[in-house]
Amino acid sequence: MGRLPGVSASPIEIQQTGTNARAALAGDFDMHATFTVEPALERLVDEPGVARLTVDLSRLAFIDSTGIGVLVRLQSEAADRGVEFALVPGPPEIQRVFATAGLQDTLPFVAPGD
């Protein structure tokens, strides 16, 4: 059975290997998605034994100021807890939003394999 119309798949997929956690975001990271994505990312930062959290934006189609705000706040929370935080860049249209907001060079973007 396929997906129901109007019902989307989860906007976040999480993998954890040892001390490394990776969260891949897909679709739209807007206010609606933050209700699922934000608590999941917060749990990863709070998880004992997680030393690095990588958030992969490569499958995002859209991000708004709410999604950007979550990532900026999460970077700060991760630093407070001693968790290394990294972002895998999104497609050009997503990265353009970060550049326009002046965050392209202030957030910790890494190469996709890092």
Protein backbone atom coordinates (compact mmCIF):
# COMPACT_ATOMS: atom_id res chain seq x y z
CA MET A 1 0.00 0.00 0.00
CA GLY A 2 1.39 3.46 -0.95
CA ARG A 3 1.35 6.68 1.01
CA LEU A 4 -1.95 8.41 1.51
CA PRO A 5 -2.44 11.70 -0.35
CA GLY A 6 -1.44 14.62 1.83
CA VAL A 7 0.52 12.40 4.24
CA SER A 8 4.26 12.71 3.90
CA ALA A 9 7.01 10.40 5.03
CA SER A 10 9.02 11.34 8.09
CA PRO A 11 11.13 14.45 7.49
CA ILE A 12 14.03 12.99 9.49
CA GLU A 13 16.02 9.76 9.35
CA ILE A 14 18.49 9.06 12.16
CA GLN A 15 21.49 6.74 12.23
CA GLN A 16 23.88 6.31 15.14
CA THR A 17 27.21 4.51 14.99
CA GLY A 18 29.24 4.58 18.17
CA THR A 19 29.67 8.20 19.21
CA ASN A 20 28.55 9.59 15.83
CA ALA A 21 24.93 10.46 15.11
CA ARG A 22 23.65 11.48 11.70
CA ALA A 23 20.26 13.02 10.99
CA ALA A 24 19.20 13.26 7.35
CA LEU A 25 16.42 15.77 6.68
CA ALA A 26 14.17 15.48 3.64
CA GLY A 27 11.40 17.49 2.05
CA ASP A 28 10.43 20.77 3.67
CA PHE A 29 12.02 22.01 6.90
CA ASP A 30 9.33 24.50 7.82
CA MET A 31 7.26 25.21 10.93
CA HIS A 32 5.20 22.05 10.47
CA ALA A 33 8.30 19.83 10.20
CA THR A 34 9.90 21.37 13.29
CA PHE A 35 7.34 19.58 15.47
CA THR A 36 9.01 16.29 14.47
CA VAL A 37 12.56 17.37 13.63
CA GLU A 38 13.38 19.66 16.55
CA PRO A 39 12.66 17.19 19.38
CA ALA A 40 14.51 14.41 17.53
CA LEU A 41 17.61 16.60 17.09
CA GLU A 42 17.45 17.76 20.72
CA ARG A 43 17.35 14.13 21.89
CA LEU A 44 20.48 13.38 19.86
CA VAL A 45 22.38 16.31 21.39
CA ASP A 46 21.30 15.17 24.87
CA GLU A 47 22.07 11.49 24.22
CA PRO A 48 24.92 10.28 26.46
CA GLY A 49 27.84 9.10 24.38
CA VAL A 50 27.10 11.21 21.29
CA ALA A 51 30.25 13.18 20.51
CA ARG A 52 29.36 14.33 16.98
CA LEU A 53 26.06 15.19 15.34
CA THR A 54 25.93 15.65 11.58
CA VAL A 55 22.73 17.03 10.06
CA ASP A 56 22.48 16.20 6.36
CA LEU A 57 20.50 18.79 4.39
CA SER A 58 21.19 17.27 0.96
CA ARG A 59 17.62 15.98 0.51
CA LEU A 60 15.85 19.18 1.56
CA ALA A 61 13.57 20.85 -0.96
CA PHE A 62 12.73 23.90 1.19
CA ILE A 63 13.83 25.58 4.41
CA ASP A 64 12.31 28.62 6.07
CA SER A 65 13.35 30.84 8.96
CA THR A 66 11.88 28.39 11.47
CA GLY A 67 14.12 25.57 10.21
CA ILE A 68 17.15 27.84 10.11
CA GLY A 69 16.42 28.97 13.67
CA VAL A 70 16.34 25.36 14.85
CA LEU A 71 19.76 24.67 13.30
CA VAL A 72 21.34 27.84 14.74
CA ARG A 73 19.99 27.07 18.22
CA LEU A 74 21.01 23.42 17.93
CA GLN A 75 24.58 24.44 17.06
CA SER A 76 24.70 26.47 20.28
CA GLU A 77 23.19 23.68 22.38
CA ALA A 78 25.62 21.14 20.93
CA ALA A 79 28.58 23.40 21.78
CA ASP A 80 27.28 23.82 25.35
CA ARG A 81 27.21 20.02 25.73
CA GLY A 82 30.57 19.40 24.09
CA VAL A 83 29.03 17.76 21.02
CA GLU A 84 30.69 18.50 17.68
CA PHE A 85 28.04 19.78 15.25
CA ALA A 86 28.27 19.69 11.45
CA LEU A 87 25.94 20.35 8.53
CA VAL A 88 26.10 18.64 5.14
CA PRO A 89 25.08 21.32 2.62
CA GLY A 90 21.76 21.20 0.85
CA PRO A 91 21.04 21.72 -2.84
CA PRO A 92 21.94 25.15 -4.30
CA GLU A 93 18.51 26.62 -3.59
CA ILE A 94 18.82 25.63 0.09
CA GLN A 95 22.38 26.97 0.39
CA ARG A 96 21.23 30.23 -1.21
CA VAL A 97 18.89 30.75 1.78
CA PHE A 98 21.81 30.35 4.19
CA ALA A 99 23.93 32.73 2.10
CA THR A 100 21.14 35.33 1.98
CA ALA A 101 20.75 35.08 5.77
CA GLY A 102 24.51 35.58 6.22
CA LEU A 103 24.95 32.11 7.72
CA GLN A 104 26.85 30.34 4.93
CA ASP A 105 30.21 31.06 6.56
CA THR A 106 29.14 30.98 10.21
CA LEU A 107 27.50 27.56 10.37
CA PRO A 108 29.79 24.49 10.31
CA PHE A 109 29.17 23.14 6.80
CA VAL A 110 31.27 20.10 5.88
CA ALA A 111 31.80 17.99 2.78
CA PRO A 112 29.17 15.22 2.36
CA GLY A 113 31.57 12.42 3.35
CA ASP A 114 32.80 14.09 6.55
